[in-house]
Protein backbone atom coordinates (compact mmCIF):
# COMPACT_ATOMS: atom_id res chain seq x y z
CA MET A 1 -21.09 -24.63 -10.04
CA SER A 2 -20.68 -23.75 -6.49
CA GLU A 3 -21.88 -21.75 -4.15
CA CYS A 4 -21.17 -18.97 -1.44
CA ASP A 5 -22.45 -16.15 0.47
CA PHE A 6 -19.17 -13.85 -0.04
CA ALA A 7 -16.77 -13.93 -2.97
CA ILE A 8 -13.55 -12.14 -2.58
CA ILE A 9 -11.18 -11.38 -5.19
CA GLY A 10 -7.74 -10.73 -3.98
CA ALA A 11 -5.85 -12.62 -0.89
CA GLY A 12 -3.55 -8.97 0.08
CA ILE A 13 -4.02 -7.66 3.33
CA ILE A 14 -7.54 -6.28 2.89
CA GLY A 15 -9.17 -9.42 1.38
CA ALA A 16 -8.06 -11.17 4.17
CA ALA A 17 -8.92 -8.53 6.52
CA VAL A 18 -12.45 -8.53 5.28
CA ALA A 19 -12.42 -13.02 5.12
CA PHE A 20 -11.38 -12.38 9.25
CA LYS A 21 -14.11 -9.85 9.69
CA LEU A 22 -16.73 -11.79 8.32
CA SER A 23 -16.09 -14.66 10.03
CA GLN A 24 -16.09 -13.27 13.09
CA ARG A 25 -19.45 -11.65 12.62
CA GLN A 26 -21.22 -14.59 10.46
CA PRO A 27 -19.59 -17.71 11.34
CA GLN A 28 -21.89 -20.40 9.57
CA ALA A 29 -21.51 -17.97 6.42
CA ARG A 30 -19.91 -19.08 3.31
CA ILE A 31 -16.66 -17.47 2.64
CA ARG A 32 -14.44 -18.08 -0.02
CA VAL A 33 -11.38 -15.73 -0.94
CA PHE A 34 -10.01 -15.87 -4.43
CA ASP A 35 -6.71 -14.80 -5.91
CA LYS A 36 -4.84 -15.57 -9.33
CA GLU A 37 -1.54 -16.67 -7.46
CA PRO A 38 -0.28 -19.29 -5.26
CA PHE A 39 0.21 -17.62 -2.47
CA CYS A 40 -1.24 -14.83 -0.42
CA ALA A 41 0.15 -11.16 -0.25
CA ALA A 42 1.98 -11.45 -3.63
CA HIS A 43 1.71 -7.79 -4.55
CA GLN A 44 1.25 -4.65 -2.91
CA THR A 45 1.03 -6.36 0.52
CA GLY A 46 3.65 -8.30 0.43
CA ARG A 47 6.24 -5.75 -1.42
CA ASN A 48 5.88 -2.74 1.02
CA SER A 49 8.16 -0.64 3.41
CA GLY A 50 6.49 -3.00 6.07
CA VAL A 51 6.35 0.67 8.10
CA ILE A 52 2.93 0.60 10.89
CA HIS A 53 2.02 3.86 9.38
CA ALA A 54 0.24 6.93 12.30
CA GLY A 55 -1.25 8.90 10.11
CA VAL A 56 1.06 11.90 9.28
CA TYR A 57 0.31 13.05 5.94
CA TYR A 58 -3.52 12.79 5.25
CA GLU A 59 -6.23 15.46 5.34
CA PRO A 60 -8.36 15.16 8.69
CA GLY A 61 -11.31 13.60 8.43
CA SER A 62 -10.48 11.81 5.23
CA PHE A 63 -10.73 8.25 4.62
CA LYS A 64 -7.13 7.68 5.28
CA ALA A 65 -7.03 9.63 8.18
CA ARG A 66 -9.77 8.29 10.27
CA PHE A 67 -8.49 4.42 8.61
CA CYS A 68 -4.65 5.05 9.65
CA ARG A 69 -5.47 6.03 12.89
CA ALA A 70 -7.48 3.53 13.77
CA GLY A 71 -5.82 1.04 12.02
CA LEU A 72 -2.24 1.84 13.82
CA GLU A 73 -3.96 0.69 17.29
CA HIS A 74 -5.69 -2.61 15.32
CA THR A 75 -2.23 -3.63 13.84
CA TYR A 76 -0.80 -3.24 17.21
CA GLU A 77 -2.98 -5.41 18.60
CA PHE A 78 -3.48 -7.75 16.20
CA CYS A 79 -0.01 -8.41 16.25
CA GLN A 80 0.51 -8.63 19.69
CA ARG A 81 -2.78 -11.29 19.96
CA PHE A 82 -0.97 -13.86 17.82
CA ASP A 83 2.62 -13.37 18.44
CA LEU A 84 3.65 -11.70 15.25
CA PRO A 85 6.61 -9.49 14.89
CA TYR A 86 6.60 -5.85 14.76
CA GLU A 87 8.75 -3.20 16.42
CA GLN A 88 7.49 0.84 17.53
CA CYS A 89 10.36 2.13 16.76
CA GLY A 90 8.51 5.46 15.79
CA LYS A 91 9.38 8.01 12.76
CA LEU A 92 11.40 11.27 12.29
CA ILE A 93 10.52 13.27 9.54
CA VAL A 94 13.49 15.55 9.10
CA ALA A 95 14.52 18.53 6.83
CA THR A 96 17.51 18.95 5.12
CA ARG A 97 17.22 22.67 4.66
CA ASP A 98 15.71 25.56 5.81
CA SER A 99 13.64 25.78 2.56
CA GLU A 100 12.00 22.89 3.76
CA LEU A 101 11.16 24.08 7.22
CA PRO A 102 7.42 25.83 6.58
CA ALA A 103 6.30 22.14 4.85
CA MET A 104 8.00 20.43 7.71
CA GLU A 105 6.07 22.91 10.00
CA ARG A 106 2.50 21.89 8.16
CA LEU A 107 2.88 18.58 8.56
CA PHE A 108 3.56 18.93 12.26
CA LYS A 109 0.77 21.12 12.26
CA ARG A 110 -1.17 18.34 10.55
CA CYS A 111 -0.25 15.58 13.26
CA GLN A 112 -1.87 17.25 15.67
CA GLU A 113 -5.07 17.44 13.58
CA ASN A 114 -5.04 13.84 12.81
CA ASP A 115 -4.67 13.40 16.67
CA LEU A 116 -1.36 11.98 17.17
CA ALA A 117 0.95 13.40 19.45
CA PRO A 118 4.75 14.89 17.31
CA ARG A 119 7.68 16.48 18.93
CA LEU A 120 9.53 19.35 17.10
CA LEU A 121 13.13 18.67 16.93
CA SER A 122 16.32 21.06 17.00
CA ALA A 123 19.29 20.01 14.86
CA ALA A 124 21.24 19.33 18.17
CA GLU A 125 18.56 17.13 19.26
CA ILE A 126 18.12 15.23 16.27
CA LYS A 127 22.10 14.75 16.09
CA ARG A 128 21.87 13.50 19.85
CA ARG A 129 18.91 11.08 18.91
CA GLU A 130 20.41 9.67 15.42
CA PRO A 131 24.20 10.67 15.20
CA ASN A 132 24.47 9.59 11.38
CA ILE A 133 21.52 11.81 10.18
CA HIS A 134 21.92 15.55 9.25
CA ALA A 135 19.18 17.98 9.36
CA VAL A 136 18.40 21.07 10.03
CA GLY A 137 15.14 20.27 12.25
CA GLY A 138 12.29 17.98 12.42
CA PHE A 139 10.01 16.17 14.25
CA TYR A 140 9.16 12.86 16.14
CA VAL A 141 6.17 10.64 15.93
CA GLY A 142 6.29 7.80 18.11
CA GLN A 143 3.49 5.80 17.23
CA THR A 144 4.80 4.56 14.35
CA GLY A 145 6.31 1.33 13.58
CA ILE A 146 7.14 -1.71 11.17
CA THR A 147 6.14 -5.12 10.68
CA ASP A 148 5.77 -8.09 8.53
CA TYR A 149 2.47 -7.52 6.40
CA ARG A 150 2.71 -10.84 4.71
CA ALA A 151 2.85 -12.40 7.96
CA ILE A 152 -0.35 -10.94 9.00
CA THR A 153 -2.08 -11.26 5.84
CA ASP A 154 -1.18 -15.11 6.45
CA CYS A 155 -2.49 -14.83 10.01
CA LEU A 156 -5.41 -13.08 9.12
CA LEU A 157 -6.56 -16.01 6.98
CA GLN A 158 -5.83 -18.97 8.84
CA GLN A 159 -7.97 -17.03 11.40
CA ALA A 160 -11.09 -16.93 8.86
CA LYS A 161 -10.76 -20.50 8.20
CA LEU A 162 -10.85 -21.33 12.08
CA GLN A 163 -12.91 -19.23 12.90
CA GLY A 164 -15.84 -19.90 10.25
CA ALA A 165 -16.62 -21.46 6.74
CA CYS A 166 -13.91 -19.93 5.36
CA ASP A 167 -11.87 -21.59 2.09
CA VAL A 168 -9.16 -19.94 0.13
CA ASN A 169 -8.83 -20.69 -3.49
CA TYR A 170 -5.00 -19.69 -5.17
CA HIS A 171 -4.78 -20.21 -8.85
CA HIS A 172 -7.83 -18.64 -9.40
CA GLN A 173 -8.05 -15.57 -12.22
CA LEU A 174 -11.19 -14.71 -12.60
CA VAL A 175 -12.44 -13.86 -16.38
CA ASP A 176 -15.75 -13.02 -16.44
CA ILE A 177 -18.97 -11.57 -13.60
CA ASN A 178 -22.05 -12.04 -14.55
CA ALA A 179 -24.54 -9.83 -12.15
CA ASN A 180 -28.64 -10.44 -12.05
CA ASP A 181 -31.27 -10.20 -8.99
CA SER A 182 -30.00 -13.23 -6.93
CA GLY A 183 -26.43 -12.91 -7.02
CA VAL A 184 -23.40 -13.05 -9.27
CA SER A 185 -21.90 -15.72 -10.93
CA LEU A 186 -18.14 -15.64 -11.45
CA THR A 187 -15.68 -17.47 -14.15
CA PHE A 188 -12.35 -18.58 -13.02
CA LYS A 189 -9.30 -19.56 -15.25
CA GLN A 190 -7.53 -22.85 -13.32
CA PRO A 191 -4.69 -24.52 -14.41
CA GLN A 192 -7.07 -27.35 -14.97
CA GLY A 193 -9.37 -25.38 -16.74
CA GLU A 194 -12.86 -22.79 -16.26
CA SER A 195 -14.85 -23.10 -12.94
CA ARG A 196 -17.76 -21.54 -12.16
CA VAL A 197 -19.20 -19.64 -8.37
CA LYS A 198 -22.43 -18.61 -7.76
CA ALA A 199 -22.26 -15.75 -4.85
CA ALA A 200 -24.62 -14.21 -3.16
CA GLN A 201 -22.27 -11.00 -2.38
CA LEU A 202 -19.18 -10.15 -4.36
CA ILE A 203 -15.95 -8.30 -2.91
CA ASN A 204 -13.53 -6.70 -4.72
CA CYS A 205 -10.39 -6.33 -3.02
CA ALA A 206 -8.34 -6.64 -6.12
CA GLY A 207 -5.81 -3.66 -5.88
CA ILE A 208 -3.82 -2.67 -9.11
CA TYR A 209 -7.02 -4.52 -10.96
CA SER A 210 -10.00 -3.37 -9.06
CA ASP A 211 -10.85 -0.94 -12.28
CA GLU A 212 -10.38 -4.18 -14.67
CA LEU A 213 -13.28 -5.72 -12.44
CA ILE A 214 -15.76 -2.73 -12.18
CA ARG A 215 -15.72 -2.71 -15.81
CA LEU A 216 -15.59 -6.74 -16.20
CA GLN A 217 -19.21 -6.24 -14.35
CA GLY A 218 -20.04 -3.85 -16.46
CA LEU A 219 -20.44 -0.94 -14.47
CA SER A 220 -19.37 2.58 -14.63
CA CYS A 221 -15.59 2.98 -13.83
CA ASP A 222 -14.84 7.04 -14.37
CA PHE A 223 -11.30 6.05 -13.11
CA ARG A 224 -7.63 3.96 -13.59
CA MET A 225 -5.56 2.44 -12.19
CA LEU A 226 -1.89 3.35 -13.07
CA PRO A 227 1.25 0.98 -11.60
CA PHE A 228 3.75 3.30 -10.06
CA LYS A 229 6.82 1.33 -9.08
CA GLY A 230 8.65 1.55 -6.06
CA GLU A 231 12.22 0.61 -6.27
CA TYR A 232 14.23 -0.76 -2.90
CA PHE A 233 17.91 -1.38 -1.69
CA LYS A 234 19.06 -3.27 0.61
CA LEU A 235 21.83 -1.75 2.63
CA GLY A 236 24.84 -4.09 3.75
CA GLU A 237 25.57 -5.93 7.25
CA LYS A 238 27.87 -2.16 8.32
CA TYR A 239 24.37 -0.43 8.37
CA ASN A 240 22.02 -2.88 10.07
CA ASN A 241 22.13 -0.14 13.26
CA ILE A 242 22.70 3.15 11.14
CA THR A 243 19.54 4.61 12.95
CA GLN A 244 17.20 3.60 15.54
CA HIS A 245 14.26 5.13 14.22
CA LEU A 246 12.67 5.28 10.65
CA ILE A 247 14.00 8.60 8.87
CA TYR A 248 11.70 10.17 6.41
CA PRO A 249 12.46 13.77 4.47
CA VAL A 250 9.99 16.28 4.50
CA PRO A 251 7.57 15.10 1.18
CA ASP A 252 6.63 17.10 -1.98
CA PRO A 253 3.12 18.28 -1.06
CA ALA A 254 2.39 17.89 -4.56
CA MET A 255 2.82 14.53 -4.55
CA PRO A 256 1.12 11.29 -2.91
CA PHE A 257 4.59 9.87 -2.04
CA LEU A 258 6.61 9.88 0.64
CA GLY A 259 10.35 10.54 -0.84
CA VAL A 260 12.91 7.98 -0.29
CA HIS A 261 13.46 7.00 3.07
CA LEU A 262 15.74 4.83 5.87
CA THR A 263 13.46 1.60 6.86
CA ARG A 264 14.39 -0.92 9.70
CA MET A 265 13.24 -3.63 8.81
CA ILE A 266 11.95 -6.82 10.74
CA GLY A 267 14.86 -9.44 10.34
CA GLY A 268 17.05 -6.35 11.31
CA TYR A 269 18.63 -4.82 8.21
CA THR A 270 18.08 -1.54 6.84
CA THR A 271 16.10 -0.65 3.43
CA VAL A 272 16.49 2.67 1.35
CA GLY A 273 13.60 3.70 -0.98
CA PRO A 274 11.32 3.66 -2.65
CA ASN A 275 10.64 6.09 -5.42
CA ALA A 276 7.78 6.06 -7.61
CA VAL A 277 8.00 5.62 -11.66
CA LEU A 278 5.19 4.95 -13.62
CA THR A 279 6.07 1.98 -15.36
CA THR A 280 4.32 0.18 -18.57
CA GLY A 281 2.42 -2.85 -16.37
CA ARG A 282 1.01 -3.44 -13.35
CA GLU A 283 3.46 -6.09 -12.52
CA ALA A 284 5.92 -5.25 -14.00
CA TYR A 285 8.72 -5.40 -11.14
CA ASP A 286 11.78 -6.22 -12.66
CA HIS A 287 12.04 -4.36 -15.50
CA LEU A 288 11.32 -1.01 -16.68
CA LEU A 289 9.20 -2.16 -19.93
CA SER A 290 6.94 -5.04 -19.57
CA LYS A 291 7.62 -8.01 -21.38
CA ASP A 292 3.85 -7.85 -23.31
CA ALA A 293 2.09 -5.19 -24.88
CA GLU A 294 0.68 -4.20 -21.23
CA TRP A 295 2.30 -0.61 -21.79
CA ARG A 296 -0.44 0.10 -24.84
CA THR A 297 -2.84 -0.19 -21.97
CA VAL A 298 -1.00 1.98 -19.64
CA PHE A 299 -0.10 4.95 -21.89
CA GLY A 300 -3.09 4.53 -24.32
CA HIS A 301 -5.54 6.90 -22.86
CA SER A 302 -5.27 10.53 -22.52
CA ASP A 303 -5.78 10.36 -18.32
CA VAL A 304 -2.04 9.18 -18.35
CA TRP A 305 -0.68 11.85 -20.32
CA MET A 306 -2.14 14.77 -18.81
CA LEU A 307 -1.03 13.22 -15.40
CA LEU A 308 2.85 13.31 -16.50
CA TRP A 309 2.41 16.98 -17.99
CA ARG A 310 0.57 18.22 -14.59
CA TYR A 311 3.74 16.47 -12.41
CA LYS A 312 6.56 16.53 -15.54
CA LYS A 313 9.35 18.16 -13.47
CA ALA A 314 8.48 15.00 -10.34
CA ALA A 315 8.35 12.55 -13.23
CA VAL A 316 11.58 13.64 -14.91
CA LYS A 317 12.64 13.64 -11.49
CA GLU A 318 11.70 9.81 -10.40
CA LEU A 319 12.78 8.46 -13.67
CA TYR A 320 16.15 9.82 -13.34
CA SER A 321 16.23 8.48 -9.52
CA SER A 322 15.35 4.94 -11.58
CA LEU A 323 18.74 4.88 -14.16
CA SER A 324 21.17 6.64 -12.25
CA LYS A 325 21.62 4.75 -8.42
CA ALA A 326 23.88 7.83 -7.97
CA HIS A 327 21.57 10.01 -7.68
CA TYR A 328 19.45 7.88 -6.23
CA ALA A 329 21.94 7.19 -3.28
CA ARG A 330 22.10 11.55 -3.34
CA LEU A 331 18.80 11.42 -1.70
CA VAL A 332 19.65 9.39 0.57
CA SER A 333 22.99 10.94 1.44
CA ARG A 334 21.14 14.76 1.68
CA TYR A 335 20.01 13.38 5.18
CA CYS A 336 23.16 10.33 5.81
CA PRO A 337 25.52 11.55 4.63
CA GLY A 338 28.25 8.78 3.90
CA ILE A 339 25.82 6.46 1.74
CA THR A 340 26.82 5.59 -2.03
CA ALA A 341 25.16 3.75 -4.46
CA ALA A 342 28.32 1.25 -4.24
CA ASP A 343 26.30 0.29 -0.70
CA PHE A 344 22.85 -0.90 -2.10
CA GLN A 345 21.89 -4.62 -2.75
CA PRO A 346 19.40 -5.91 -5.24
CA TYR A 347 16.19 -5.74 -3.14
CA ARG A 348 12.37 -6.55 -4.15
CA ALA A 349 10.77 -3.50 -5.89
CA GLY A 350 6.88 -2.82 -5.43
CA ILE A 351 4.04 -1.76 -7.71
CA ARG A 352 1.43 1.05 -5.86
CA ALA A 353 -1.53 1.15 -7.74
CA GLN A 354 -2.66 4.52 -7.64
CA ALA A 355 -5.99 5.73 -9.31
CA VAL A 356 -6.44 8.41 -11.60
CA ASP A 357 -9.37 9.96 -13.20
CA SER A 358 -10.23 10.70 -16.29
CA ASN A 359 -8.78 14.34 -16.32
CA GLY A 360 -5.53 12.70 -14.72
CA ASN A 361 -6.08 13.91 -11.62
CA LEU A 362 -4.45 11.56 -8.48
CA ILE A 363 -7.47 10.39 -6.13
CA HIS A 364 -6.08 10.61 -2.81
CA ASP A 365 -8.75 9.02 -0.90
CA PHE A 366 -10.62 5.75 -1.20
CA LYS A 367 -13.00 5.11 -3.49
CA PHE A 368 -15.70 2.36 -3.26
CA ILE A 369 -18.16 1.30 -6.19
CA GLU A 370 -21.27 -0.41 -5.14
CA SER A 371 -23.86 -2.51 -6.65
CA ALA A 372 -26.69 -4.72 -5.29
CA ASN A 373 -24.49 -7.70 -5.12
CA ALA A 374 -21.50 -6.29 -5.27
CA LEU A 375 -18.91 -4.04 -3.74
CA HIS A 376 -15.65 -2.77 -5.40
CA VAL A 377 -12.81 -1.45 -3.17
CA GLY A 378 -11.61 0.67 -6.53
CA ASN A 379 -8.85 2.61 -4.50
CA ALA A 380 -7.10 1.63 -1.64
CA PRO A 381 -3.91 4.04 -1.64
CA SER A 382 -1.10 3.81 1.20
CA PRO A 383 -1.39 3.50 4.15
CA ALA A 384 -3.92 0.60 2.96
CA ALA A 385 -1.96 -2.02 5.09
CA THR A 386 -1.73 -0.34 8.33
CA SER A 387 -6.08 0.32 7.51
CA ALA A 388 -6.74 -3.23 6.54
CA LEU A 389 -8.92 -3.70 9.54
CA PRO A 390 -10.68 -0.23 9.81
CA ILE A 391 -11.09 -0.59 6.18
CA ALA A 392 -12.66 -4.37 6.76
CA ASP A 393 -14.71 -2.83 9.04
CA GLU A 394 -16.04 -0.44 6.49
CA ILE A 395 -16.94 -2.56 3.76
CA ILE A 396 -18.86 -5.03 6.23
CA GLN A 397 -21.18 -2.06 7.39
CA ARG A 398 -21.55 -1.06 3.84
CA LEU A 399 -22.76 -4.57 2.72
CA PHE A 400 -25.26 -4.79 5.75
């Protein structure tokens, strides 16, 4: 049995940020990062929209608002320091009908409460900035940008190795946790068989599997992680410069998702998406139905049915957008006329891990579960990628 000071489960951007920060604070500490995949950022981190969020949407004073506001600056600084790709292109949030203006104005005030500097724009001003965009009003947030979060994750892990005694172990799936007064004993399944590691501290950054690991340790867990699939499409080359900014619709205030938006991507192309469909598996990227019996786990509890009933109208709309490219295109054409389903090219889907409590309520903020020798990041909703470095600081502060 090998030993280490810190065992980090998950080589996504949060796990990588924790390794990076720990290696700075304790260069001599033996840090080991474990992931069941063959490379880093294989799931949420490597399959998101690549947006550096400014903190437009979040409740002032919440973890989300504080982490995002700090993470915005840290992400730009990290990209500059290590010569990673980014662009501070700004975001336009647009109302396409008069009925959306009150929600837009509330969101504008939320920006101000979160110490941003939004600028209200008339329909004519939006048209001058973005000739291809139709809107009756909107506002501009200049701090928003884009980056490559997989490249950031890889850099964080490489720097953790250079700064301290950090190893990254792929093809390691955690299957057992045995905690005692002296630490935690971890059992991993590998292609060669099982291996065991003893760690003084366990840090669970496993994303959509975080609740599973909490229960694996025998701790109480009053929520579940549910998989919401976000489908994206890539637009053809003629749309590479269709906008100069990111274009977002005014979101439904009742849902934690931001609507189908136009995103300039690192690489020069443009994507549309995502929608948000409750899917049948935690890695069901390519099919609506998972290939195994995991759907029984997802849908076999009352919480999911209470959630679907509470948001039944939204759930039907999102499912329709998944089944009908024409409808998906209509969502985009509300603010960018002319785009049709024929313009859509295949692109990777993502799955967002969303915590839901036992009564079917969405948990909107970050959630940490702690024990004597373990810290579990139970819920890390968007903007977790933007916020990864401040989240890592919070985790380390809780550890010491």
